[in-house]
Protein backbone atom coordinates (compact mmCIF):
# COMPACT_ATOMS: atom_id res chain seq x y z
CA GLU A 1 -140.42 -48.15 23.30
CA LYS A 2 -143.52 -49.94 21.65
CA TYR A 3 -146.75 -51.63 23.89
CA TRP A 4 -149.18 -53.47 21.81
CA SER A 5 -152.76 -54.41 23.48
CA SER A 6 -153.73 -56.99 21.09
CA ALA A 7 -152.52 -60.14 19.32
CA GLY A 8 -150.99 -59.92 15.81
CA ASP A 9 -147.99 -59.60 13.30
CA TYR A 10 -146.36 -56.55 13.83
CA VAL A 11 -143.58 -55.08 11.87
CA VAL A 12 -140.92 -53.04 12.75
CA ARG A 13 -138.52 -50.91 10.25
CA CYS A 14 -135.60 -49.68 11.30
CA VAL A 15 -133.96 -46.62 9.20
CA THR A 16 -130.38 -46.22 9.83
CA SER A 17 -128.00 -43.21 7.66
CA ASP A 18 -124.50 -43.31 7.37
CA MET A 19 -122.25 -39.93 7.35
CA LYS A 20 -122.60 -39.93 3.45
CA GLY A 21 -126.12 -39.59 3.50
CA GLY A 22 -126.79 -43.19 2.46
CA THR A 23 -129.87 -44.90 4.11
CA ALA A 24 -130.37 -48.25 5.10
CA SER A 25 -133.57 -50.48 6.02
CA SER A 26 -134.32 -53.59 8.11
CA SER A 27 -137.09 -55.26 8.71
CA MET A 28 -138.10 -57.29 12.13
CA LEU A 29 -141.71 -59.44 12.20
CA VAL A 30 -142.81 -59.31 16.18
CA GLN A 31 -145.45 -61.80 16.83
CA VAL A 32 -147.75 -60.83 20.02
CA GLY A 33 -149.79 -63.64 20.99
CA SER A 34 -151.62 -66.00 18.66
CA PRO A 35 -152.86 -63.95 15.79
CA SER A 36 -156.09 -64.55 14.57
CA THR A 37 -155.23 -63.53 10.93
CA LEU A 38 -152.24 -64.55 8.11
CA ARG A 39 -149.36 -62.71 6.81
CA ILE A 40 -147.53 -63.30 3.44
CA ALA A 41 -143.75 -62.67 3.31
CA GLY A 42 -140.58 -62.93 0.53
CA ARG A 43 -138.37 -61.07 -0.88
CA VAL A 44 -137.70 -58.78 -4.04
CA LEU A 45 -134.64 -59.80 -5.75
CA LEU A 46 -132.19 -58.37 -8.83
CA ASN A 47 -129.60 -60.43 -9.77
CA GLY A 48 -129.66 -62.19 -6.04
CA GLN A 49 -129.49 -58.53 -4.29
CA GLY A 50 -132.41 -57.36 -2.46
CA VAL A 51 -134.57 -54.06 -4.00
CA ASP A 52 -135.47 -51.61 -1.38
CA GLY A 53 -138.57 -49.44 -1.48
CA VAL A 54 -140.98 -51.94 -3.69
CA ARG A 55 -144.56 -51.83 -3.24
CA VAL A 56 -145.96 -55.45 -2.77
CA TYR A 57 -149.57 -55.54 -2.36
CA THR A 58 -152.96 -57.35 -2.46
CA SER A 59 -155.11 -54.44 -2.76
CA ASN A 60 -154.93 -50.55 -2.17
CA THR A 61 -155.40 -51.36 1.93
CA LYS A 62 -153.17 -54.42 1.97
CA ALA A 63 -149.80 -52.97 0.93
CA THR A 64 -146.04 -52.50 1.99
CA TYR A 65 -143.01 -51.64 1.09
CA THR A 66 -139.44 -54.20 0.71
CA ASP A 67 -136.66 -52.87 2.96
CA SER A 68 -133.07 -53.00 1.79
CA ASP A 69 -132.36 -56.73 1.76
CA GLY A 70 -135.90 -56.87 -0.21
CA GLN A 71 -137.65 -58.16 2.62
CA TYR A 72 -141.76 -57.69 2.87
CA TYR A 73 -144.26 -58.93 5.25
CA LEU A 74 -147.97 -58.54 4.28
CA THR A 75 -149.99 -59.03 7.92
CA GLY A 76 -153.54 -58.93 9.01
CA LEU A 77 -154.92 -60.84 6.20
CA SER A 78 -157.61 -63.46 6.62
CA ARG A 79 -158.15 -66.42 4.62
CA GLY A 80 -159.02 -66.55 1.59
CA SER A 81 -157.74 -65.97 -1.85
CA TYR A 82 -155.37 -62.90 -2.90
CA GLN A 83 -153.32 -61.73 -6.39
CA LEU A 84 -149.97 -60.74 -4.65
CA LYS A 85 -148.39 -58.29 -6.84
CA ALA A 86 -145.43 -55.69 -6.83
CA SER A 87 -144.16 -52.51 -8.60
CA ALA A 88 -141.36 -49.99 -8.56
CA GLU A 89 -140.62 -47.61 -11.20
CA ASN A 90 -138.02 -48.91 -14.00
CA LEU A 91 -138.68 -52.70 -12.86
CA PHE A 92 -140.80 -55.57 -14.18
CA LEU A 93 -141.76 -57.72 -10.60
CA ILE A 94 -142.15 -61.51 -11.96
CA PRO A 95 -143.84 -64.05 -9.14
CA LYS A 96 -140.54 -66.57 -8.56
CA GLY A 97 -141.44 -70.17 -7.81
CA PHE A 98 -145.22 -69.20 -6.60
CA SER A 99 -148.62 -68.73 -8.99
CA ASN A 100 -151.29 -66.07 -8.48
CA PRO A 101 -153.92 -66.17 -6.72
CA ILE A 102 -152.64 -67.62 -3.47
CA VAL A 103 -155.41 -69.38 -1.69
CA LEU A 104 -154.31 -68.24 2.11
CA THR A 105 -155.05 -70.86 4.54
CA ASN A 106 -151.73 -70.77 6.96
CA SER A 107 -149.09 -67.99 7.02
CA VAL A 108 -146.62 -68.47 4.02
CA SER A 109 -143.16 -67.32 3.44
CA ALA A 110 -140.73 -67.53 0.03
CA ARG A 111 -143.79 -65.76 -2.34
CA ASP A 112 -140.35 -64.02 -3.82
CA PHE A 113 -140.37 -61.94 -7.21
CA GLU A 114 -137.40 -61.13 -9.48
CA ALA A 115 -136.78 -57.84 -10.68
CA GLN A 116 -135.83 -57.17 -14.41
CA PRO A 117 -135.15 -53.71 -15.87
CA PRO A 118 -137.85 -52.92 -18.53
CA GLY A 119 -135.27 -52.68 -21.38
CA SER A 120 -134.15 -56.23 -20.99
CA LEU A 121 -137.56 -58.30 -21.53
CA ALA A 122 -139.96 -58.31 -24.30
CA THR A 123 -143.73 -58.74 -23.99
CA VAL A 124 -145.27 -61.13 -25.89
CA ALA A 125 -148.78 -61.72 -26.83
CA LEU A 126 -150.10 -64.98 -27.44
CA ILE A 127 -154.07 -64.33 -26.80
CA GLU A 128 -154.95 -61.06 -27.66
CA ALA A 129 -158.21 -59.19 -26.04
CA GLY A 130 -161.16 -59.44 -28.35
CA ALA A 131 -159.69 -62.45 -29.89
CA GLU A 132 -161.82 -65.06 -32.12
CA TRP A 133 -163.17 -67.98 -29.93
CA LYS A 134 -164.97 -71.29 -31.31
CA TYR A 135 -168.35 -71.62 -29.10
CA LEU A 136 -170.78 -73.97 -27.90
CA ASN A 137 -173.93 -72.43 -26.52
CA ASP A 138 -176.96 -74.57 -27.15
CA GLY A 139 -177.93 -75.13 -23.68
CA THR A 140 -178.61 -78.71 -24.33
CA THR A 141 -175.15 -79.92 -25.66
CA THR A 142 -172.59 -81.04 -23.34
CA PRO A 143 -169.35 -81.68 -25.30
CA ALA A 144 -167.43 -84.77 -25.56
CA SER A 145 -164.87 -85.32 -22.94
CA ALA A 146 -161.77 -84.59 -24.92
CA TRP A 147 -163.50 -81.13 -25.63
CA LYS A 148 -160.52 -79.40 -24.04
CA ALA A 149 -157.56 -81.67 -26.19
CA LEU A 150 -155.74 -80.12 -28.64
CA SER A 151 -156.96 -83.22 -30.95
CA PHE A 152 -160.53 -82.28 -30.72
CA ASP A 153 -162.82 -81.68 -33.76
CA ASP A 154 -164.87 -78.21 -33.19
CA TYR A 155 -165.23 -77.61 -36.64
CA GLU A 156 -169.01 -77.58 -36.01
CA TRP A 157 -168.70 -75.12 -32.90
CA ASN A 158 -169.56 -71.23 -33.69
CA GLU A 159 -167.13 -69.24 -33.89
CA GLY A 160 -166.92 -65.01 -32.50
CA ALA A 161 -164.89 -62.13 -31.68
CA ALA A 162 -164.80 -61.35 -28.00
CA GLN A 163 -166.19 -60.26 -25.47
CA LEU A 164 -168.80 -62.49 -26.07
CA GLY A 165 -172.18 -62.82 -24.13
CA TYR A 166 -175.52 -60.98 -23.89
CA GLY A 167 -176.96 -58.15 -22.54
CA ASN A 168 -174.04 -55.53 -21.88
CA ASN A 169 -173.36 -52.86 -24.43
CA ASP A 170 -169.36 -53.76 -24.38
CA VAL A 171 -170.58 -57.54 -26.66
CA VAL A 172 -169.03 -58.04 -29.62
CA THR A 173 -171.02 -61.23 -30.23
CA THR A 174 -174.08 -61.93 -29.08
CA LEU A 175 -174.43 -65.61 -27.57
CA ASP A 176 -178.08 -67.46 -27.27
CA TYR A 177 -179.48 -68.01 -23.90
CA GLY A 178 -182.71 -69.75 -24.03
CA THR A 179 -185.42 -68.66 -22.79
CA ALA A 180 -185.72 -65.49 -20.07
CA ALA A 181 -186.65 -67.18 -16.90
CA ASN A 182 -184.87 -70.20 -17.74
CA LYS A 183 -181.03 -69.56 -19.16
CA PHE A 184 -178.30 -71.39 -20.22
CA ILE A 185 -176.36 -72.06 -17.30
CA THR A 186 -173.13 -73.32 -18.85
CA TYR A 187 -171.25 -72.09 -22.40
CA TYR A 188 -167.78 -73.86 -24.00
CA PHE A 189 -165.15 -71.99 -25.42
CA ARG A 190 -161.64 -73.04 -27.34
CA ARG A 191 -158.58 -71.24 -28.80
CA SER A 192 -155.38 -72.47 -30.54
CA PHE A 193 -152.32 -70.66 -30.28
CA VAL A 194 -148.85 -70.77 -30.89
CA VAL A 195 -145.65 -70.98 -28.42
CA ASP A 196 -142.79 -70.84 -30.31
CA ASP A 197 -140.45 -71.84 -27.48
CA PRO A 198 -141.88 -72.19 -23.82
CA ALA A 199 -138.63 -72.26 -22.13
CA SER A 200 -137.97 -68.84 -23.27
CA PHE A 201 -140.44 -67.24 -21.09
CA LEU A 202 -139.78 -66.56 -17.22
CA SER A 203 -143.51 -65.82 -16.96
CA VAL A 204 -147.19 -66.13 -18.66
CA ASN A 205 -149.96 -63.84 -17.68
CA LEU A 206 -153.61 -64.98 -17.80
CA GLY A 207 -156.34 -62.49 -17.65
CA ILE A 208 -160.08 -63.12 -17.83
CA ILE A 209 -163.57 -61.44 -17.80
CA ARG A 210 -165.94 -63.70 -16.52
CA ASP A 211 -169.86 -63.00 -15.52
CA ASP A 212 -170.20 -65.22 -13.68
CA GLY A 213 -167.49 -68.11 -13.00
CA ALA A 214 -164.98 -70.02 -15.25
CA VAL A 215 -163.06 -72.62 -15.24
CA VAL A 216 -159.71 -72.37 -17.38
CA TYR A 217 -157.86 -75.33 -19.30
CA VAL A 218 -154.34 -75.30 -21.14
CA ASN A 219 -153.72 -78.45 -23.05
CA GLU A 220 -156.25 -80.42 -21.06
CA ALA A 221 -155.05 -79.29 -17.44
CA GLU A 222 -157.19 -76.77 -15.52
CA VAL A 223 -154.66 -73.99 -14.74
CA PHE A 224 -157.27 -71.46 -13.23
CA ARG A 225 -160.93 -70.99 -11.39
CA SER A 226 -162.51 -68.16 -10.73
CA ASN A 227 -165.60 -67.63 -8.98
CA MET A 228 -166.23 -71.12 -9.19
CA PRO A 229 -166.51 -73.72 -6.37
CA ALA A 230 -164.37 -76.52 -5.41
CA GLY A 231 -164.75 -80.29 -6.74
CA PRO A 232 -165.96 -81.61 -9.80
CA ILE A 233 -167.45 -79.04 -12.83
CA THR A 234 -170.71 -80.37 -14.55
CA ALA A 235 -172.88 -78.59 -16.89
CA SER A 236 -175.05 -77.86 -14.41
CA THR A 237 -172.70 -76.65 -11.85
CA ARG A 238 -173.47 -72.71 -10.89
CA ALA A 239 -170.75 -69.82 -10.41
CA SER A 240 -170.45 -69.23 -6.57
CA THR A 241 -171.54 -65.81 -6.74
CA SER A 242 -173.73 -63.34 -9.18
CA VAL A 243 -171.01 -60.97 -10.88
CA SER A 244 -172.32 -57.27 -11.33
CA GLY A 245 -170.80 -53.77 -11.79
CA THR A 246 -167.28 -53.52 -12.77
CA ALA A 247 -166.53 -56.59 -12.11
CA GLU A 248 -168.52 -57.49 -15.07
CA SER A 249 -165.62 -55.99 -17.27
CA THR A 250 -162.76 -56.61 -15.06
CA PHE A 251 -159.65 -59.09 -15.98
CA TYR A 252 -159.18 -61.27 -12.90
CA GLU A 253 -155.80 -62.51 -13.53
CA THR A 254 -153.11 -65.27 -12.55
CA ASN A 255 -149.30 -66.59 -13.39
CA LEU A 256 -148.96 -70.01 -15.52
CA ASP A 257 -145.69 -72.18 -15.12
CA PRO A 258 -144.29 -71.52 -18.93
CA VAL A 259 -143.66 -75.82 -18.52
CA ILE A 260 -147.35 -76.46 -19.13
CA PHE A 261 -146.99 -75.10 -22.86
CA HIS A 262 -145.97 -77.44 -25.86
CA PRO A 263 -143.39 -76.04 -28.54
CA GLY A 264 -145.74 -75.12 -31.54
CA THR A 265 -149.58 -75.43 -31.32
CA ASN A 266 -151.58 -75.44 -27.90
CA VAL A 267 -154.93 -75.30 -26.83
CA ILE A 268 -156.71 -73.29 -24.38
CA ALA A 269 -160.29 -74.49 -22.98
CA VAL A 270 -162.74 -72.44 -21.21
CA GLU A 271 -166.19 -72.83 -19.41
CA VAL A 272 -167.93 -69.95 -18.48
CA HIS A 273 -171.00 -70.62 -15.81
CA GLN A 274 -173.70 -68.89 -14.78
CA ASN A 275 -174.76 -68.15 -11.22
CA SER A 276 -178.67 -68.24 -11.45
CA PRO A 277 -180.98 -69.00 -14.96
CA GLU A 278 -182.15 -65.63 -14.65
CA SER A 279 -179.45 -63.98 -14.72
CA SER A 280 -179.43 -60.77 -17.29
CA ASP A 281 -176.26 -60.91 -18.78
CA LEU A 282 -172.82 -62.94 -19.16
CA SER A 283 -169.54 -61.83 -20.95
CA PHE A 284 -166.21 -63.95 -21.87
CA ASP A 285 -163.26 -62.49 -22.52
CA LEU A 286 -159.59 -63.39 -22.20
CA GLN A 287 -156.06 -62.35 -22.59
CA LEU A 288 -152.44 -64.37 -22.54
CA THR A 289 -149.02 -62.63 -22.37
CA GLY A 290 -145.68 -63.63 -21.74
CA LEU A 291 -142.66 -61.90 -20.86
CA ARG A 292 -139.10 -63.39 -22.11
CA PRO A 293 -135.39 -61.72 -22.28
CA LEU A 294 -134.85 -59.80 -25.43
CA PRO A 295 -132.44 -61.52 -27.46
CA THR A 296 -128.81 -60.55 -27.08
CA VAL A 297 -127.70 -58.90 -30.44
CA ALA A 298 -123.88 -59.03 -31.16
CA ARG A 299 -121.86 -55.85 -32.19
CA PRO A 300 -121.21 -55.81 -35.75
CA ALA A 301 -117.37 -56.24 -36.41
CA LEU A 302 -115.74 -53.29 -37.66
CA SER A 303 -112.58 -52.75 -40.11
CA ALA A 304 -110.11 -50.67 -41.57
CA GLU A 305 -107.65 -50.24 -44.13
CA VAL A 306 -105.41 -47.86 -45.99
CA VAL A 307 -105.75 -48.00 -49.86
CA GLU A 308 -104.47 -45.39 -52.21
CA GLY A 309 -104.16 -42.88 -49.95
CA VAL A 310 -107.50 -42.82 -48.00
CA ARG A 311 -108.84 -44.76 -45.02
CA ARG A 312 -111.80 -47.21 -45.53
CA ILE A 313 -113.72 -47.84 -42.76
CA ARG A 314 -116.43 -50.94 -43.42
CA TRP A 315 -118.93 -52.79 -41.12
CA PRO A 316 -122.25 -54.87 -41.48
CA ALA A 317 -124.91 -52.64 -43.00
CA VAL A 318 -126.95 -52.73 -39.66
CA GLU A 319 -129.71 -50.23 -38.91
CA SER A 320 -128.85 -47.65 -36.03
CA TYR A 321 -125.27 -48.34 -35.72
CA SER A 322 -123.48 -44.91 -36.70
CA LEU A 323 -119.38 -44.16 -36.58
CA GLU A 324 -117.53 -42.21 -34.33
CA ALA A 325 -113.77 -40.99 -34.00
CA SER A 326 -111.15 -39.80 -31.73
CA THR A 327 -107.77 -39.46 -31.58
CA SER A 328 -107.03 -40.51 -28.07
CA LEU A 329 -108.19 -43.30 -26.17
CA ASP A 330 -107.23 -41.86 -22.60
CA GLY A 331 -110.09 -41.09 -20.21
CA GLY A 332 -110.56 -37.31 -21.32
CA SER A 333 -110.57 -38.80 -24.87
CA ASN A 334 -113.66 -37.06 -26.85
CA TRP A 335 -115.80 -39.07 -29.35
CA GLU A 336 -116.90 -37.25 -32.27
CA PRO A 337 -119.29 -38.56 -35.05
CA VAL A 338 -118.03 -38.84 -38.28
CA GLU A 339 -119.69 -36.45 -40.41
CA ILE A 340 -119.55 -38.29 -43.77
CA GLN A 341 -122.32 -40.79 -44.58
CA PRO A 342 -121.53 -44.36 -45.69
CA GLU A 343 -122.22 -46.03 -48.78
CA THR A 344 -123.60 -49.38 -48.71
CA VAL A 345 -121.64 -51.70 -50.49
CA ASP A 346 -122.25 -55.38 -50.92
CA GLY A 347 -124.13 -55.57 -47.87
CA GLU A 348 -121.63 -53.35 -45.85
CA ASN A 349 -121.54 -49.64 -45.09
CA LEU A 350 -118.94 -47.90 -46.36
CA VAL A 351 -117.01 -44.80 -45.22
CA VAL A 352 -114.06 -43.59 -47.09
CA LEU A 353 -112.05 -40.60 -45.19
CA PRO A 354 -108.83 -38.46 -46.38
CA ILE A 355 -105.76 -39.39 -44.50
CA ASP A 356 -104.22 -36.44 -42.31
CA GLN A 357 -100.97 -36.65 -39.58
CA ALA A 358 -103.20 -37.59 -36.82
CA SER A 359 -104.16 -41.03 -35.74
CA ARG A 360 -107.49 -41.85 -35.22
CA PHE A 361 -109.42 -44.62 -33.60
CA TYR A 362 -113.03 -45.65 -34.34
CA ARG A 363 -115.77 -47.43 -32.80
CA LEU A 364 -119.42 -48.14 -33.80
CA VAL A 365 -122.36 -47.06 -31.27
CA ASN A 366 -126.21 -47.61 -31.42
CA PRO A 367 -127.97 -44.83 -29.33
């Protein structure tokens, strides 16, 4: 029996074991009274099946684990903005149908993750940290409304490598700021990048260092707002809070839907805002990475023939494949490497073997 002394959401998890030592777990959410806090719920799935034991969290103190059905509940959350993440050994966990951060005003469900083995995915750097950016930082010029568009002419803007800013030891490109008592509030940054096939990406992650706040646009559309007030943003809009300590060098992340990208050249535009004209420093950097399945590589075809009393084994000259032989295909057969090294003839690997009384089976392996 369990007695709760206060209102809230409580997760009951039952773990069972069978005669063979296997275990299974299931979860049930119990709501007592009228909770003042909120919850996030969802599942972690691999090929449509639930994955047990995945850690789902918004911080070190707000974390839980999935049950055998892949179900999780994060309870006791206040209203606010949360980066929802999941982690498990030897798995990539990709948000499915939602984007970070989650702005929590009510309890939400169906915040699911798709699990993928790491060997099945490739990470593609669309924009690397420390990249070159075009920037405008004279403090008096507000760019034309089309400054977020790919067609905008930024030829007269300055250019420099990130981090861009002033007042910090990790700044690479130092920006002007006006006078010490009345520093510029807003800085503008642009960079183009190429996406060969947006539909090939399962997810795209954006991370930004912003001291103090920033608004990010891709192809003119706003995709991320960090430490900035709601509503229209102008050159005089101040960041919501002042940033200090480790927050000045932290990459704040969000997930982007790949449908926002065009095949070919795209543009990302960022405006960074200070909280105060007396601010002592400013920092900006950004990275953009995508996850997509590795291309399927067809196994090279193997051919064999007997010519002039020898076996001639051929296959396309593809790196990393090697030849093995066996005398039987039954369940107990042992495959052994063919020790003779192949010659390359007309784009094919060729191994010439003597003929003996035993039959031989051959295969290509990719370690």
